[in-house]
Amino acid sequence: MSEAYIVGAVRTPVGRRNGGLARTHPADLGAHVLRELMDGADTDPSAVEDVIFGCVDTIGPQAGDIARTCWLAAGLPEEVPGVTIDRQCGSSQQALHFAAQAVLSGTNDLVVAGGVQNMSMIPISSAMLAGRPLGHETPFAGSKGWIERYGRQEVSQFTGAERIAAQWDLSREEMERYAYESHRRALHAIDAGYFRREIVPWNGVADDEGPRRDTTLGKMAALKPLVEGGRLTAALASQISDGAAALLIASPRAVREHGLTPRARVHHLSARGADPITMLDAPIPATVHALGMTGMSIDDFDTVEINEAFASVVLAWLKETGADPARVNPNGGAIALGHPLGATGAVLTVKLLHELERSGGRYGLQTMCEGGGQANVTIIERLSP
């Protein structure tokens, strides 16, 4: 069986809403990481066989196959195609899966995976609401099969996050302590320079803009719940953000022919589904599935990146898996660092690889909740020093 190696991994800083990246066309954000990725690989970009990008809300400047647009906007060869995929928040993690699967199958030897999202420019759920002028209130309304199975109940990430908090008996105070720690870890990582090797600055923005130095537990406690009577507040949710990331995936033959250095081996790829109304708890069964498929234990992982869509998502996952909290999101997560939807999966992989390299860890696991009640799991093994 072949292997799929990660040979390059870069990301932009994650910009906060209306921050330093907000006015940048998504194609230019994606083009920036693609140029830097190919320059770092020091190989002929025409050898790339496909560009697979994740993106959510693909309307306006994110429409028209943004993967292809980013590659062309980067000035890279026209003969290289691109495709954009949507697995909601897991879109660019799935892009990595498709790229690695192409290499593992022997279909391709050199593939780019990544993602881009400008949430300042195209607000969250824009695609969900785009059908309203045409008479379609939501993507689910009017579907006989959907209504017969799930009724007319609201499909909302906020509903899902509250359900999880209630089911796992997570108090607001417990979640606020977790969120505060996310900011603390992120700020430590920024100040210590942990992200410098992975970030390619853009227009004077060199650091992630989300972490708040003035955050306190007192300030969090003063916020109103997102829904009346709920436990979740804005401080316990991921931030609206802008950003892009890209990875270069290579076969052993591509490594030999292009003189590339494998930095990590893709050890496992899978995705699982769960209840689409609770929506956000799928990382739990997805992780159980991945551990069963690989024969690994949660204690085998030196670093875990799980997307902090909401504090309740990660805390429930921690309770069910028994993972060591010190190894989970060691440099902060999306509550502090932001969540640029379609780019986040690739951003997390970039962070995971660089943290393994920095710390000397061997195995890393990545997972995230996704719309529709889904979750991807990626396991990588560090190879480079």
Protein backbone atom coordinates (compact mmCIF):
# COMPACT_ATOMS: atom_id res chain seq x y z
CA MET A 1 0.00 0.00 0.00
CA SER A 2 1.18 3.51 -0.78
CA GLU A 3 1.66 6.30 1.73
CA ALA A 4 0.38 9.88 1.78
CA TYR A 5 2.84 12.39 3.19
CA ILE A 6 2.34 15.98 4.29
CA VAL A 7 5.31 17.86 2.84
CA GLY A 8 4.13 21.45 3.27
CA ALA A 9 1.69 23.25 5.58
CA VAL A 10 1.04 26.98 5.89
CA ARG A 11 -1.75 29.30 6.98
CA THR A 12 -2.59 32.95 7.19
CA PRO A 13 -3.09 34.49 10.59
CA VAL A 14 -6.75 34.14 11.53
CA GLY A 15 -8.31 37.59 11.34
CA ARG A 16 -11.11 38.63 13.64
CA ARG A 17 -14.41 39.91 12.25
CA ASN A 18 -13.84 43.21 10.42
CA GLY A 19 -10.16 42.94 11.27
CA GLY A 20 -6.95 42.93 9.26
CA LEU A 21 -8.09 40.41 6.62
CA ALA A 22 -11.70 41.53 6.29
CA ARG A 23 -11.33 43.54 3.08
CA THR A 24 -9.26 40.92 1.27
CA HIS A 25 -11.01 39.03 -1.51
CA PRO A 26 -11.22 35.33 -0.56
CA ALA A 27 -9.42 34.38 -3.76
CA ASP A 28 -6.48 36.54 -2.74
CA LEU A 29 -6.37 35.02 0.75
CA GLY A 30 -6.29 31.57 -0.77
CA ALA A 31 -3.80 32.64 -3.42
CA HIS A 32 -1.44 33.89 -0.72
CA VAL A 33 -1.16 30.54 1.05
CA LEU A 34 -0.92 28.68 -2.26
CA ARG A 35 2.01 30.79 -3.45
CA GLU A 36 3.79 30.40 -0.13
CA LEU A 37 3.12 26.66 -0.09
CA MET A 38 4.55 26.12 -3.58
CA ASP A 39 7.50 28.45 -2.98
CA GLY A 40 8.33 26.50 0.17
CA ALA A 41 8.11 23.18 -1.64
CA ASP A 42 10.60 24.43 -4.23
CA THR A 43 9.03 22.27 -6.91
CA ASP A 44 7.37 22.90 -10.26
CA PRO A 45 3.73 23.81 -9.48
CA SER A 46 2.63 22.25 -12.76
CA ALA A 47 3.35 18.89 -11.12
CA VAL A 48 0.34 19.43 -8.85
CA GLU A 49 -2.54 17.32 -10.14
CA ASP A 50 -5.44 18.88 -8.25
CA VAL A 51 -6.28 21.64 -5.79
CA ILE A 52 -9.01 20.70 -3.31
CA PHE A 53 -10.32 23.52 -1.13
CA GLY A 54 -13.03 23.71 1.46
CA CYS A 55 -15.36 26.69 1.68
CA VAL A 56 -18.79 27.33 3.17
CA ASP A 57 -21.31 29.92 1.95
CA THR A 58 -19.99 29.78 -1.60
CA ILE A 59 -21.80 32.83 -2.92
CA GLY A 60 -20.50 36.14 -4.22
CA PRO A 61 -16.68 36.26 -4.06
CA GLN A 62 -16.61 32.70 -2.71
CA ALA A 63 -18.67 31.31 -5.60
CA GLY A 64 -17.52 29.97 -8.95
CA ASP A 65 -15.25 27.21 -7.56
CA ILE A 66 -13.06 29.24 -5.21
CA ALA A 67 -10.35 26.55 -5.25
CA ARG A 68 -9.77 27.14 -8.94
CA THR A 69 -10.01 30.92 -8.54
CA CYS A 70 -7.43 30.96 -5.72
CA TRP A 71 -4.93 28.94 -7.77
CA LEU A 72 -5.31 31.21 -10.79
CA ALA A 73 -5.23 34.37 -8.67
CA ALA A 74 -1.91 33.12 -7.32
CA GLY A 75 -0.50 33.18 -10.86
CA LEU A 76 -0.04 29.41 -10.85
CA PRO A 77 -0.31 27.15 -13.95
CA GLU A 78 -3.66 27.11 -15.72
CA GLU A 79 -3.41 23.39 -16.48
CA VAL A 80 -3.84 22.52 -12.78
CA PRO A 81 -7.55 22.11 -11.92
CA GLY A 82 -9.31 22.87 -8.65
CA VAL A 83 -12.47 21.76 -6.88
CA THR A 84 -14.38 23.24 -3.94
CA ILE A 85 -16.13 21.02 -1.41
CA ASP A 86 -18.60 21.64 1.39
CA ARG A 87 -18.79 19.47 4.48
CA GLN A 88 -19.75 22.56 6.45
CA CYS A 89 -17.21 23.36 9.18
CA GLY A 90 -15.18 20.28 8.27
CA SER A 91 -14.83 21.23 4.61
CA SER A 92 -11.07 21.69 4.49
CA GLN A 93 -10.42 18.71 6.76
CA GLN A 94 -12.38 16.72 4.19
CA ALA A 95 -10.30 18.38 1.47
CA LEU A 96 -7.24 16.87 3.15
CA HIS A 97 -8.99 13.50 3.26
CA PHE A 98 -9.81 13.59 -0.45
CA ALA A 99 -6.25 14.66 -1.30
CA ALA A 100 -4.72 11.93 0.82
CA GLN A 101 -7.13 9.33 -0.55
CA ALA A 102 -6.18 10.27 -4.11
CA VAL A 103 -2.53 9.77 -3.25
CA LEU A 104 -3.14 6.54 -1.27
CA SER A 105 -5.13 5.10 -4.18
CA GLY A 106 -2.33 5.81 -6.63
CA THR A 107 -4.61 8.09 -8.65
CA ASN A 108 -2.48 11.17 -7.95
CA ASP A 109 1.03 11.83 -6.71
CA LEU A 110 0.92 15.49 -5.70
CA VAL A 111 -2.24 17.24 -4.49
CA VAL A 112 -2.94 20.49 -2.66
CA ALA A 113 -5.56 20.55 0.08
CA GLY A 114 -6.77 23.59 1.96
CA GLY A 115 -9.55 26.03 2.57
CA VAL A 116 -10.52 29.68 2.64
CA GLN A 117 -13.26 31.76 4.24
CA ASN A 118 -13.94 35.47 4.62
CA MET A 119 -16.78 35.66 7.12
CA SER A 120 -16.49 39.43 7.39
CA MET A 121 -17.31 39.72 3.70
CA ILE A 122 -19.85 36.87 3.44
CA PRO A 123 -21.71 36.44 6.75
CA ILE A 124 -22.29 33.00 8.23
CA SER A 125 -25.34 31.16 6.82
CA SER A 126 -25.53 33.39 3.74
CA ALA A 127 -25.98 30.33 1.54
CA MET A 128 -28.64 28.93 3.88
CA LEU A 129 -30.66 32.13 3.49
CA ALA A 130 -29.98 32.76 -0.21
CA GLY A 131 -33.10 30.87 -1.28
CA ARG A 132 -35.54 33.05 0.63
CA PRO A 133 -36.18 35.50 -2.22
CA LEU A 134 -37.06 32.44 -4.30
CA GLY A 135 -39.51 31.13 -1.75
CA HIS A 136 -37.31 28.66 0.13
CA GLU A 137 -37.24 29.60 3.80
CA THR A 138 -34.53 27.07 4.76
CA PRO A 139 -32.71 24.21 3.02
CA PHE A 140 -34.98 21.76 4.91
CA ALA A 141 -38.42 23.35 4.66
CA GLY A 142 -40.51 21.71 1.97
CA SER A 143 -38.69 18.38 2.08
CA LYS A 144 -41.29 15.71 2.79
CA GLY A 145 -38.66 13.16 3.75
CA TRP A 146 -36.89 15.50 6.14
CA ILE A 147 -40.11 16.59 7.86
CA GLU A 148 -41.31 13.00 8.23
CA ARG A 149 -38.03 12.10 9.92
CA TYR A 150 -37.13 15.23 11.93
CA GLY A 151 -40.28 17.32 11.98
CA ARG A 152 -40.17 21.09 11.81
CA GLN A 153 -37.79 21.61 14.72
CA GLU A 154 -35.12 24.24 14.36
CA VAL A 155 -31.83 23.15 12.83
CA SER A 156 -29.35 25.35 14.67
CA GLN A 157 -25.85 25.05 16.04
CA PHE A 158 -27.00 27.05 19.07
CA THR A 159 -29.71 24.49 19.80
CA GLY A 160 -27.16 21.72 19.44
CA ALA A 161 -24.65 23.38 21.75
CA GLU A 162 -27.32 23.90 24.42
CA ARG A 163 -28.49 20.31 24.11
CA ILE A 164 -24.95 19.08 24.66
CA ALA A 165 -24.47 21.31 27.70
CA ALA A 166 -27.66 19.91 29.21
CA GLN A 167 -27.02 16.26 28.30
CA TRP A 168 -23.50 16.26 29.76
CA ASP A 169 -24.51 18.52 32.68
CA LEU A 170 -21.98 21.22 31.84
CA SER A 171 -22.41 24.35 33.93
CA ARG A 172 -21.90 27.82 32.55
CA GLU A 173 -19.09 28.33 35.06
CA GLU A 174 -17.29 25.17 33.90
CA MET A 175 -17.54 26.28 30.29
CA GLU A 176 -16.33 29.78 31.15
CA ARG A 177 -13.25 28.36 32.85
CA TYR A 178 -12.55 26.33 29.72
CA ALA A 179 -12.99 29.37 27.46
CA TYR A 180 -10.71 31.49 29.63
CA GLU A 181 -8.04 28.79 29.42
CA SER A 182 -8.35 28.78 25.62
CA HIS A 183 -7.48 32.48 25.55
CA ARG A 184 -4.65 31.99 28.03
CA ARG A 185 -3.09 29.18 25.99
CA ALA A 186 -3.48 31.07 22.71
CA LEU A 187 -1.82 34.19 24.10
CA HIS A 188 1.03 32.14 25.53
CA ALA A 189 1.58 30.48 22.17
CA ILE A 190 1.58 33.84 20.35
CA ASP A 191 3.95 35.45 22.84
CA ALA A 192 6.28 32.43 22.75
CA GLY A 193 6.37 32.49 18.93
CA TYR A 194 4.91 29.01 18.50
CA PHE A 195 2.94 30.00 15.38
CA ARG A 196 5.69 31.89 13.55
CA ARG A 197 6.81 28.93 11.40
CA GLU A 198 3.30 28.16 10.19
CA ILE A 199 1.88 31.65 9.60
CA VAL A 200 2.53 33.56 6.39
CA PRO A 201 1.73 37.20 7.25
CA TRP A 202 -0.68 39.15 5.09
CA ASN A 203 -0.80 42.92 4.64
CA GLY A 204 0.96 43.59 7.91
CA VAL A 205 -1.06 41.07 9.92
CA ALA A 206 1.36 38.53 11.38
CA ASP A 207 -0.50 37.16 14.42
CA ASP A 208 -3.91 35.67 15.05
CA GLU A 209 -6.21 38.53 15.98
CA GLY A 210 -8.82 36.72 18.07
CA PRO A 211 -7.29 36.16 21.52
CA ARG A 212 -8.33 38.79 24.03
CA ARG A 213 -5.76 39.93 26.57
CA ASP A 214 -8.37 41.73 28.62
CA THR A 215 -10.69 38.74 29.00
CA THR A 216 -11.62 37.81 32.56
CA LEU A 217 -14.00 35.32 34.11
CA GLY A 218 -15.89 38.29 35.51
CA LYS A 219 -16.47 39.75 32.06
CA MET A 220 -17.63 36.37 30.76
CA ALA A 221 -20.07 35.99 33.65
CA ALA A 222 -21.67 39.34 32.80
CA LEU A 223 -22.67 38.34 29.27
CA LYS A 224 -26.23 37.46 28.31
CA PRO A 225 -26.99 33.92 27.10
CA LEU A 226 -27.27 33.37 23.34
CA VAL A 227 -30.78 32.00 23.86
CA GLU A 228 -33.10 32.94 26.71
CA GLY A 229 -32.58 30.63 29.66
CA GLY A 230 -29.55 29.02 28.04
CA ARG A 231 -26.06 28.34 29.36
CA LEU A 232 -24.04 29.43 26.31
CA THR A 233 -22.83 32.99 25.71
CA ALA A 234 -20.76 34.57 22.96
CA ALA A 235 -17.67 34.01 25.12
CA LEU A 236 -18.27 30.26 24.96
CA ALA A 237 -18.55 30.10 21.17
CA SER A 238 -16.03 30.24 18.34
CA GLN A 239 -15.32 33.64 16.85
CA ILE A 240 -16.39 34.87 13.41
CA SER A 241 -13.13 34.97 11.48
CA ASP A 242 -11.31 35.21 8.17
CA GLY A 243 -8.41 33.09 6.95
CA ALA A 244 -6.91 30.47 4.67
CA ALA A 245 -4.60 27.47 4.90
CA ALA A 246 -3.01 25.00 2.50
CA LEU A 247 -1.14 21.69 2.65
CA LEU A 248 0.83 19.76 0.05
CA ILE A 249 0.22 16.02 0.01
CA ALA A 250 2.71 13.76 -1.80
CA SER A 251 3.19 10.10 -2.65
CA PRO A 252 6.54 8.33 -2.15
CA ARG A 253 7.15 8.70 -5.90
CA ALA A 254 6.53 12.45 -5.77
CA VAL A 255 8.86 12.72 -2.80
CA ARG A 256 11.62 11.00 -4.78
CA GLU A 257 11.06 12.79 -8.06
CA HIS A 258 10.73 16.30 -6.61
CA GLY A 259 13.20 16.04 -3.74
CA LEU A 260 10.54 16.67 -1.10
CA THR A 261 10.88 16.01 2.62
CA PRO A 262 8.01 14.14 4.30
CA ARG A 263 7.05 15.91 7.52
CA ALA A 264 4.18 13.63 8.52
CA ARG A 265 2.44 10.50 7.35
CA VAL A 266 -1.34 10.38 7.13
CA HIS A 267 -2.08 7.45 9.42
CA HIS A 268 -5.89 7.40 9.39
CA LEU A 269 -8.84 9.17 7.75
CA SER A 270 -12.52 8.70 8.55
CA ALA A 271 -15.83 10.48 9.02
CA ARG A 272 -19.00 9.54 10.89
CA GLY A 273 -22.48 10.93 11.33
CA ALA A 274 -24.87 11.42 14.26
CA ASP A 275 -28.15 13.20 15.02
CA PRO A 276 -28.35 16.32 12.79
CA ILE A 277 -30.44 18.25 15.32
CA THR A 278 -28.04 17.85 18.23
CA MET A 279 -25.53 18.24 15.38
CA LEU A 280 -22.33 18.98 17.31
CA ASP A 281 -21.64 15.78 19.27
CA ALA A 282 -20.50 13.69 16.29
CA PRO A 283 -16.79 13.99 17.21
CA ILE A 284 -17.49 11.56 20.05
CA PRO A 285 -18.64 8.55 17.94
CA ALA A 286 -16.21 9.57 15.19
CA THR A 287 -13.29 9.36 17.61
CA VAL A 288 -14.51 6.01 18.97
CA HIS A 289 -14.71 4.74 15.39
CA ALA A 290 -11.21 5.96 14.51
CA LEU A 291 -9.67 4.40 17.62
CA GLY A 292 -11.40 1.12 16.83
CA MET A 293 -10.18 1.16 13.23
CA THR A 294 -6.58 1.87 14.20
CA GLY A 295 -6.35 -0.08 17.46
CA MET A 296 -5.02 3.05 19.13
CA SER A 297 -5.83 4.48 22.55
CA ILE A 298 -6.62 8.12 23.22
CA ASP A 299 -3.48 8.13 25.37
CA ASP A 300 -1.35 7.39 22.28
CA PHE A 301 -1.80 10.96 21.04
CA ASP A 302 0.70 13.60 22.01
CA THR A 303 -1.53 16.39 20.68
CA VAL A 304 -5.22 16.64 19.85
CA GLU A 305 -6.90 19.45 17.92
CA ILE A 306 -10.68 19.51 18.30
CA ASN A 307 -12.50 22.53 16.99
CA GLU A 308 -13.93 24.72 19.73
CA ALA A 309 -17.20 25.51 17.99
CA PHE A 310 -18.58 25.84 21.52
CA ALA A 311 -17.06 25.04 24.89
CA SER A 312 -19.73 22.39 25.44
CA VAL A 313 -18.56 20.43 22.38
CA VAL A 314 -15.01 19.98 23.65
CA LEU A 315 -15.96 19.38 27.29
CA ALA A 316 -18.45 16.66 26.33
CA TRP A 317 -15.81 15.04 24.09
CA LEU A 318 -13.27 15.16 26.94
CA LYS A 319 -15.72 13.49 29.33
CA GLU A 320 -16.50 10.69 26.88
CA THR A 321 -12.95 9.99 25.66
CA GLY A 322 -11.02 10.53 28.88
CA ALA A 323 -8.36 12.46 26.97
CA ASP A 324 -5.77 14.43 28.92
CA PRO A 325 -6.96 18.07 28.79
CA ALA A 326 -3.33 19.26 28.75
CA ARG A 327 -2.82 17.59 25.36
CA VAL A 328 -6.06 18.91 23.84
CA ASN A 329 -5.82 22.26 22.02
CA PRO A 330 -2.55 23.01 23.84
CA ASN A 331 -2.19 26.37 22.09
CA GLY A 332 -5.80 27.44 22.38
CA GLY A 333 -8.73 26.81 20.09
CA ALA A 334 -11.42 28.55 18.09
CA ILE A 335 -12.95 30.27 21.12
CA ALA A 336 -9.77 32.34 21.24
CA LEU A 337 -8.19 31.90 17.81
CA GLY A 338 -11.32 31.99 15.66
CA HIS A 339 -13.16 29.71 13.26
CA PRO A 340 -13.07 30.73 9.58
CA LEU A 341 -15.54 27.94 8.69
CA GLY A 342 -14.30 26.35 5.46
CA ALA A 343 -10.66 27.04 6.29
CA THR A 344 -10.65 25.77 9.86
CA GLY A 345 -10.03 22.10 9.12
CA ALA A 346 -6.83 22.93 7.24
CA VAL A 347 -5.84 25.52 9.86
CA LEU A 348 -6.12 22.84 12.56
CA THR A 349 -4.00 20.40 10.56
CA VAL A 350 -1.32 23.04 10.07
CA LYS A 351 -1.37 23.78 13.80
CA LEU A 352 -1.31 20.08 14.70
CA LEU A 353 1.69 19.32 12.50
CA HIS A 354 3.72 22.28 13.71
CA GLU A 355 2.94 21.55 17.36
CA LEU A 356 4.10 17.95 16.94
CA GLU A 357 7.29 19.25 15.36
CA ARG A 358 7.79 21.86 18.07
CA SER A 359 7.13 19.50 20.98
CA GLY A 360 8.68 16.35 19.51
CA GLY A 361 5.40 14.44 19.68
CA ARG A 362 4.72 11.51 17.38
CA TYR A 363 0.97 11.09 16.88
CA GLY A 364 -1.70 13.75 16.52
CA LEU A 365 -5.48 13.45 16.22
CA GLN A 366 -7.79 16.06 14.74
CA THR A 367 -11.58 16.16 14.81
CA MET A 368 -14.36 18.70 14.54
CA CYS A 369 -18.15 18.95 14.61
CA GLU A 370 -19.89 19.74 11.34
CA GLY A 371 -23.31 20.74 10.07
CA GLY A 372 -25.66 17.85 9.49
CA GLY A 373 -24.36 16.04 12.57
CA GLN A 374 -21.04 14.89 11.13
CA ALA A 375 -17.39 14.74 12.16
CA ASN A 376 -14.08 13.96 10.50
CA VAL A 377 -11.12 12.37 12.24
CA THR A 378 -7.58 12.64 10.91
CA ILE A 379 -4.58 10.97 12.53
CA ILE A 380 -1.08 11.94 11.49
CA GLU A 381 2.35 10.65 12.48
CA ARG A 382 5.21 13.13 12.61
CA LEU A 383 8.26 12.03 10.64
CA SER A 384 10.56 15.04 10.47
CA PRO A 385 12.77 16.18 13.35
